[in-house]
Each structure stands twice: as C-alpha cells, then as structure tokens.
Amino acid sequence: VIVDPPAIFHNLWAALKPILPPKTQTKAEFIDSRAAAAAARFQELFGADLGAHIWQLVQEDRAL
C-alpha cells in the first residue's frame, strides 16, 4: 500500500508494471488520502480496527 506517492512514482509504476508477473501487479495499492473513499479502502484492506488506526496515522502525517 502506497499512500500519496509522488507523481513520478506513477510513471515509474507504469513502466515497470508490464514486466512484473500478474500476481505481483495486483499486490500494489495506491491510495490518495484526499479521496473520499480512502478511509473505507483502508478498512477493506485491513479490517475495521486496523484500517481505522492506519487511517488515523495517515491523517496525522498529512497534518505535519
């Protein structure tokens, strides 16, 4: 899970993704913490409690 990667990372991923095995490709998850569904996505990936905790940490980090 990569939260708020810099723009260049998306370009790098686009170049690397085709040469990676399909299973590896599906393991990457990019999340924009400003998106309305970001908190829900963390809960989908990690469960309600851990997802809420990780979301709280992301919000604290954004505030720095």
PDB file of N, CA and C in Angstrom:
ATOM      1  N   VAL A   1       0.850  -1.170   0.000  1.00  0.00           N
ATOM      2  CA  VAL A   1       0.000   0.000   0.000  1.00  0.00           C
ATOM      3  C   VAL A   1       0.893   1.228   0.000  1.00  0.00           C
ATOM      4  N   ILE A   2       0.660   2.084  -0.963  1.00  0.00           N
ATOM      5  CA  ILE A   2       1.434   3.311  -1.087  1.00  0.00           C
ATOM      6  C   ILE A   2       0.458   4.479  -1.009  1.00  0.00           C
ATOM      7  N   VAL A   3       0.661   5.325  -0.029  1.00  0.00           N
ATOM      8  CA  VAL A   3      -0.236   6.454   0.202  1.00  0.00           C
ATOM      9  C   VAL A   3       0.411   7.732  -0.321  1.00  0.00           C
ATOM     10  N   ASP A   4      -0.321   8.430  -1.161  1.00  0.00           N
ATOM     11  CA  ASP A   4       0.106   9.713  -1.724  1.00  0.00           C
ATOM     12  C   ASP A   4       1.514   9.679  -2.329  1.00  0.00           C
ATOM     13  N   PRO A   5       1.748   8.757  -3.264  1.00  0.00           N
ATOM     14  CA  PRO A   5       3.076   8.725  -3.889  1.00  0.00           C
ATOM     15  C   PRO A   5       3.278   9.952  -4.769  1.00  0.00           C
ATOM     16  N   PRO A   6       4.530  10.365  -4.953  1.00  0.00           N
ATOM     17  CA  PRO A   6       4.782  11.486  -5.863  1.00  0.00           C
ATOM     18  C   PRO A   6       4.413  11.100  -7.289  1.00  0.00           C
ATOM     19  N   ALA A   7       4.155  12.084  -8.112  1.00  0.00           N
ATOM     20  CA  ALA A   7       3.709  11.856  -9.488  1.00  0.00           C
ATOM     21  C   ALA A   7       4.684  10.983 -10.274  1.00  0.00           C
ATOM     22  N   ILE A   8       5.965  11.148 -10.042  1.00  0.00           N
ATOM     23  CA  ILE A   8       6.943  10.363 -10.788  1.00  0.00           C
ATOM     24  C   ILE A   8       6.798   8.872 -10.496  1.00  0.00           C
ATOM     25  N   PHE A   9       6.304   8.523  -9.336  1.00  0.00           N
ATOM     26  CA  PHE A   9       6.134   7.120  -8.990  1.00  0.00           C
ATOM     27  C   PHE A   9       5.102   6.459  -9.890  1.00  0.00           C
ATOM     28  N   HIS A  10       4.051   7.188 -10.239  1.00  0.00           N
ATOM     29  CA  HIS A  10       3.041   6.631 -11.147  1.00  0.00           C
ATOM     30  C   HIS A  10       3.655   6.315 -12.509  1.00  0.00           C
ATOM     31  N   ASN A  11       4.527   7.199 -12.976  1.00  0.00           N
ATOM     32  CA  ASN A  11       5.206   6.957 -14.253  1.00  0.00           C
ATOM     33  C   ASN A  11       6.143   5.754 -14.155  1.00  0.00           C
ATOM     34  N   LEU A  12       6.853   5.651 -13.057  1.00  0.00           N
ATOM     35  CA  LEU A  12       7.747   4.517 -12.853  1.00  0.00           C
ATOM     36  C   LEU A  12       6.951   3.216 -12.786  1.00  0.00           C
ATOM     37  N   TRP A  13       5.833   3.229 -12.076  1.00  0.00           N
ATOM     38  CA  TRP A  13       4.987   2.039 -11.981  1.00  0.00           C
ATOM     39  C   TRP A  13       4.453   1.644 -13.359  1.00  0.00           C
ATOM     40  N   ALA A  14       4.049   2.624 -14.147  1.00  0.00           N
ATOM     41  CA  ALA A  14       3.538   2.332 -15.486  1.00  0.00           C
ATOM     42  C   ALA A  14       4.603   1.660 -16.348  1.00  0.00           C
ATOM     43  N   ALA A  15       5.868   2.019 -16.142  1.00  0.00           N
ATOM     44  CA  ALA A  15       6.952   1.414 -16.914  1.00  0.00           C
ATOM     45  C   ALA A  15       7.298   0.016 -16.406  1.00  0.00           C
ATOM     46  N   LEU A  16       7.240  -0.188 -15.105  1.00  0.00           N
ATOM     47  CA  LEU A  16       7.625  -1.472 -14.513  1.00  0.00           C
ATOM     48  C   LEU A  16       6.515  -2.516 -14.521  1.00  0.00           C
ATOM     49  N   LYS A  17       5.287  -2.074 -14.410  1.00  0.00           N
ATOM     50  CA  LYS A  17       4.164  -2.999 -14.274  1.00  0.00           C
ATOM     51  C   LYS A  17       4.111  -4.071 -15.375  1.00  0.00           C
ATOM     52  N   PRO A  18       4.298  -3.722 -16.646  1.00  0.00           N
ATOM     53  CA  PRO A  18       4.192  -4.741 -17.695  1.00  0.00           C
ATOM     54  C   PRO A  18       5.221  -5.873 -17.595  1.00  0.00           C
ATOM     55  N   ILE A  19       6.352  -5.615 -16.947  1.00  0.00           N
ATOM     56  CA  ILE A  19       7.374  -6.659 -16.876  1.00  0.00           C
ATOM     57  C   ILE A  19       7.266  -7.502 -15.598  1.00  0.00           C
ATOM     58  N   LEU A  20       6.352  -7.136 -14.730  1.00  0.00           N
ATOM     59  CA  LEU A  20       6.148  -7.893 -13.498  1.00  0.00           C
ATOM     60  C   LEU A  20       5.117  -8.999 -13.700  1.00  0.00           C
ATOM     61  N   PRO A  21       5.229 -10.077 -12.934  1.00  0.00           N
ATOM     62  CA  PRO A  21       4.209 -11.120 -13.005  1.00  0.00           C
ATOM     63  C   PRO A  21       2.842 -10.561 -12.605  1.00  0.00           C
ATOM     64  N   PRO A  22       1.758 -11.063 -13.188  1.00  0.00           N
ATOM     65  CA  PRO A  22       0.418 -10.555 -12.869  1.00  0.00           C
ATOM     66  C   PRO A  22       0.102 -10.571 -11.367  1.00  0.00           C
ATOM     67  N   LYS A  23       0.531 -11.609 -10.665  1.00  0.00           N
ATOM     68  CA  LYS A  23       0.263 -11.679  -9.223  1.00  0.00           C
ATOM     69  C   LYS A  23       0.934 -10.516  -8.483  1.00  0.00           C
ATOM     70  N   THR A  24       2.136 -10.175  -8.894  1.00  0.00           N
ATOM     71  CA  THR A  24       2.848  -9.054  -8.282  1.00  0.00           C
ATOM     72  C   THR A  24       2.161  -7.731  -8.622  1.00  0.00           C
ATOM     73  N   GLN A  25       1.686  -7.602  -9.847  1.00  0.00           N
ATOM     74  CA  GLN A  25       0.997  -6.379 -10.261  1.00  0.00           C
ATOM     75  C   GLN A  25      -0.209  -6.093  -9.373  1.00  0.00           C
ATOM     76  N   THR A  26      -0.926  -7.143  -9.003  1.00  0.00           N
ATOM     77  CA  THR A  26      -2.150  -6.939  -8.220  1.00  0.00           C
ATOM     78  C   THR A  26      -1.869  -6.617  -6.754  1.00  0.00           C
ATOM     79  N   LYS A  27      -0.646  -6.779  -6.317  1.00  0.00           N
ATOM     80  CA  LYS A  27      -0.306  -6.512  -4.918  1.00  0.00           C
ATOM     81  C   LYS A  27      -0.128  -5.029  -4.626  1.00  0.00           C
ATOM     82  N   ALA A  28       0.104  -4.227  -5.640  1.00  0.00           N
ATOM     83  CA  ALA A  28       0.321  -2.795  -5.438  1.00  0.00           C
ATOM     84  C   ALA A  28      -1.012  -2.083  -5.277  1.00  0.00           C
ATOM     85  N   GLU A  29      -1.095  -1.263  -4.278  1.00  0.00           N
ATOM     86  CA  GLU A  29      -2.312  -0.493  -3.999  1.00  0.00           C
ATOM     87  C   GLU A  29      -1.896   0.956  -3.766  1.00  0.00           C
ATOM     88  N   PHE A  30      -2.363   1.850  -4.610  1.00  0.00           N
ATOM     89  CA  PHE A  30      -2.066   3.269  -4.483  1.00  0.00           C
ATOM     90  C   PHE A  30      -3.301   3.965  -3.934  1.00  0.00           C
ATOM     91  N   ILE A  31      -3.125   4.741  -2.873  1.00  0.00           N
ATOM     92  CA  ILE A  31      -4.257   5.397  -2.237  1.00  0.00           C
ATOM     93  C   ILE A  31      -3.985   6.892  -2.131  1.00  0.00           C
ATOM     94  N   ASP A  32      -4.928   7.676  -2.622  1.00  0.00           N
ATOM     95  CA  ASP A  32      -4.884   9.132  -2.487  1.00  0.00           C
ATOM     96  C   ASP A  32      -5.619   9.470  -1.197  1.00  0.00           C
ATOM     97  N   SER A  33      -4.896   9.944  -0.198  1.00  0.00           N
ATOM     98  CA  SER A  33      -5.512  10.188   1.117  1.00  0.00           C
ATOM     99  C   SER A  33      -6.522  11.325   1.088  1.00  0.00           C
ATOM    100  N   ARG A  34      -6.557  12.099   0.006  1.00  0.00           N
ATOM    101  CA  ARG A  34      -7.548  13.175  -0.097  1.00  0.00           C
ATOM    102  C   ARG A  34      -8.868  12.670  -0.670  1.00  0.00           C
ATOM    103  N   ALA A  35      -8.872  11.455  -1.199  1.00  0.00           N
ATOM    104  CA  ALA A  35     -10.081  10.889  -1.803  1.00  0.00           C
ATOM    105  C   ALA A  35     -11.100  10.542  -0.722  1.00  0.00           C
ATOM    106  N   ALA A  36     -12.357  10.739  -1.039  1.00  0.00           N
ATOM    107  CA  ALA A  36     -13.425  10.487  -0.080  1.00  0.00           C
ATOM    108  C   ALA A  36     -13.479   9.026   0.369  1.00  0.00           C
ATOM    109  N   ALA A  37     -13.103   8.118  -0.506  1.00  0.00           N
ATOM    110  CA  ALA A  37     -13.196   6.690  -0.194  1.00  0.00           C
ATOM    111  C   ALA A  37     -11.931   6.123   0.446  1.00  0.00           C
ATOM    112  N   ALA A  38     -10.948   6.954   0.743  1.00  0.00           N
ATOM    113  CA  ALA A  38      -9.667   6.452   1.251  1.00  0.00           C
ATOM    114  C   ALA A  38      -9.826   5.717   2.578  1.00  0.00           C
ATOM    115  N   ALA A  39     -10.547   6.286   3.515  1.00  0.00           N
ATOM    116  CA  ALA A  39     -10.714   5.639   4.828  1.00  0.00           C
ATOM    117  C   ALA A  39     -11.395   4.283   4.671  1.00  0.00           C
ATOM    118  N   ALA A  40     -12.402   4.224   3.836  1.00  0.00           N
ATOM    119  CA  ALA A  40     -13.108   2.962   3.612  1.00  0.00           C
ATOM    120  C   ALA A  40     -12.191   1.935   2.961  1.00  0.00           C
ATOM    121  N   ARG A  41     -11.316   2.377   2.070  1.00  0.00           N
ATOM    122  CA  ARG A  41     -10.406   1.433   1.407  1.00  0.00           C
ATOM    123  C   ARG A  41      -9.436   0.820   2.411  1.00  0.00           C
ATOM    124  N   PHE A  42      -8.942   1.616   3.357  1.00  0.00           N
ATOM    125  CA  PHE A  42      -8.074   1.069   4.396  1.00  0.00           C
ATOM    126  C   PHE A  42      -8.811   0.012   5.207  1.00  0.00           C
ATOM    127  N   GLN A  43     -10.082   0.255   5.501  1.00  0.00           N
ATOM    128  CA  GLN A  43     -10.855  -0.723   6.264  1.00  0.00           C
ATOM    129  C   GLN A  43     -11.109  -1.981   5.444  1.00  0.00           C
ATOM    130  N   GLU A  44     -11.299  -1.846   4.148  1.00  0.00           N
ATOM    131  CA  GLU A  44     -11.466  -3.021   3.280  1.00  0.00           C
ATOM    132  C   GLU A  44     -10.194  -3.863   3.262  1.00  0.00           C
ATOM    133  N   LEU A  45      -9.058  -3.195   3.210  1.00  0.00           N
ATOM    134  CA  LEU A  45      -7.784  -3.907   3.118  1.00  0.00           C
ATOM    135  C   LEU A  45      -7.350  -4.529   4.440  1.00  0.00           C
ATOM    136  N   PHE A  46      -7.602  -3.829   5.560  1.00  0.00           N
ATOM    137  CA  PHE A  46      -7.022  -4.235   6.836  1.00  0.00           C
ATOM    138  C   PHE A  46      -8.028  -4.567   7.927  1.00  0.00           C
ATOM    139  N   GLY A  47      -9.314  -4.471   7.637  1.00  0.00           N
ATOM    140  CA  GLY A  47     -10.328  -4.697   8.665  1.00  0.00           C
ATOM    141  C   GLY A  47     -10.658  -3.387   9.367  1.00  0.00           C
ATOM    142  N   ALA A  48     -11.742  -3.390  10.100  1.00  0.00           N
ATOM    143  CA  ALA A  48     -12.271  -2.157  10.686  1.00  0.00           C
ATOM    144  C   ALA A  48     -11.299  -1.502  11.675  1.00  0.00           C
ATOM    145  N   ASP A  49     -10.808  -2.260  12.630  1.00  0.00           N
ATOM    146  CA  ASP A  49      -9.969  -1.655  13.674  1.00  0.00           C
ATOM    147  C   ASP A  49      -8.613  -1.190  13.149  1.00  0.00           C
ATOM    148  N   LEU A  50      -7.897  -2.084  12.489  1.00  0.00           N
ATOM    149  CA  LEU A  50      -6.578  -1.717  11.973  1.00  0.00           C
ATOM    150  C   LEU A  50      -6.698  -0.661  10.878  1.00  0.00           C
ATOM    151  N   GLY A  51      -7.703  -0.783  10.030  1.00  0.00           N
ATOM    152  CA  GLY A  51      -7.915   0.217   8.987  1.00  0.00           C
ATOM    153  C   GLY A  51      -8.153   1.599   9.565  1.00  0.00           C
ATOM    154  N   ALA A  52      -8.963   1.676  10.624  1.00  0.00           N
ATOM    155  CA  ALA A  52      -9.226   2.964  11.279  1.00  0.00           C
ATOM    156  C   ALA A  52      -7.945   3.521  11.905  1.00  0.00           C
ATOM    157  N   HIS A  53      -7.144   2.643  12.497  1.00  0.00           N
ATOM    158  CA  HIS A  53      -5.891   3.083  13.113  1.00  0.00           C
ATOM    159  C   HIS A  53      -4.921   3.611  12.053  1.00  0.00           C
ATOM    160  N   ILE A  54      -4.771   2.874  10.963  1.00  0.00           N
ATOM    161  CA  ILE A  54      -3.874   3.320   9.891  1.00  0.00           C
ATOM    162  C   ILE A  54      -4.376   4.634   9.304  1.00  0.00           C
ATOM    163  N   TRP A  55      -5.688   4.753   9.115  1.00  0.00           N
ATOM    164  CA  TRP A  55      -6.245   5.995   8.578  1.00  0.00           C
ATOM    165  C   TRP A  55      -5.938   7.165   9.509  1.00  0.00           C
ATOM    166  N   GLN A  56      -6.019   6.940  10.810  1.00  0.00           N
ATOM    167  CA  GLN A  56      -5.692   7.991  11.777  1.00  0.00           C
ATOM    168  C   GLN A  56      -4.227   8.408  11.632  1.00  0.00           C
ATOM    169  N   LEU A  57      -3.332   7.447  11.471  1.00  0.00           N
ATOM    170  CA  LEU A  57      -1.914   7.759  11.288  1.00  0.00           C
ATOM    171  C   LEU A  57      -1.674   8.540  10.002  1.00  0.00           C
ATOM    172  N   VAL A  58      -2.374   8.176   8.943  1.00  0.00           N
ATOM    173  CA  VAL A  58      -2.246   8.903   7.671  1.00  0.00           C
ATOM    174  C   VAL A  58      -2.696  10.350   7.851  1.00  0.00           C
ATOM    175  N   GLN A  59      -3.810  10.539   8.533  1.00  0.00           N
ATOM    176  CA  GLN A  59      -4.306  11.900   8.768  1.00  0.00           C
ATOM    177  C   GLN A  59      -3.331  12.724   9.610  1.00  0.00           C
ATOM    178  N   GLU A  60      -2.752  12.104  10.621  1.00  0.00           N
ATOM    179  CA  GLU A  60      -1.757  12.808  11.449  1.00  0.00           C
ATOM    180  C   GLU A  60      -0.537  13.179  10.623  1.00  0.00           C
ATOM    181  N   ASP A  61      -0.113  12.279   9.754  1.00  0.00           N
ATOM    182  CA  ASP A  61       1.050  12.552   8.915  1.00  0.00           C
ATOM    183  C   ASP A  61       0.755  13.681   7.933  1.00  0.00           C
ATOM    184  N   ARG A  62      -0.446  13.719   7.395  1.00  0.00           N
ATOM    185  CA  ARG A  62      -0.813  14.798   6.462  1.00  0.00           C
ATOM    186  C   ARG A  62      -0.808  16.151   7.151  1.00  0.00           C
ATOM    187  N   ALA A  63      -1.070  16.163   8.468  1.00  0.00           N
ATOM    188  CA  ALA A  63      -1.151  17.417   9.204  1.00  0.00           C
ATOM    189  C   ALA A  63       0.232  18.013   9.480  1.00  0.00           C
ATOM    190  N   LEU A  64       1.281  17.224   9.305  1.00  0.00           N
ATOM    191  CA  LEU A  64       2.645  17.717   9.594  1.00  0.00           C
ATOM    192  C   LEU A  64       3.125  18.704   8.562  1.00  0.00           C
TER     193      LEU A  64
END
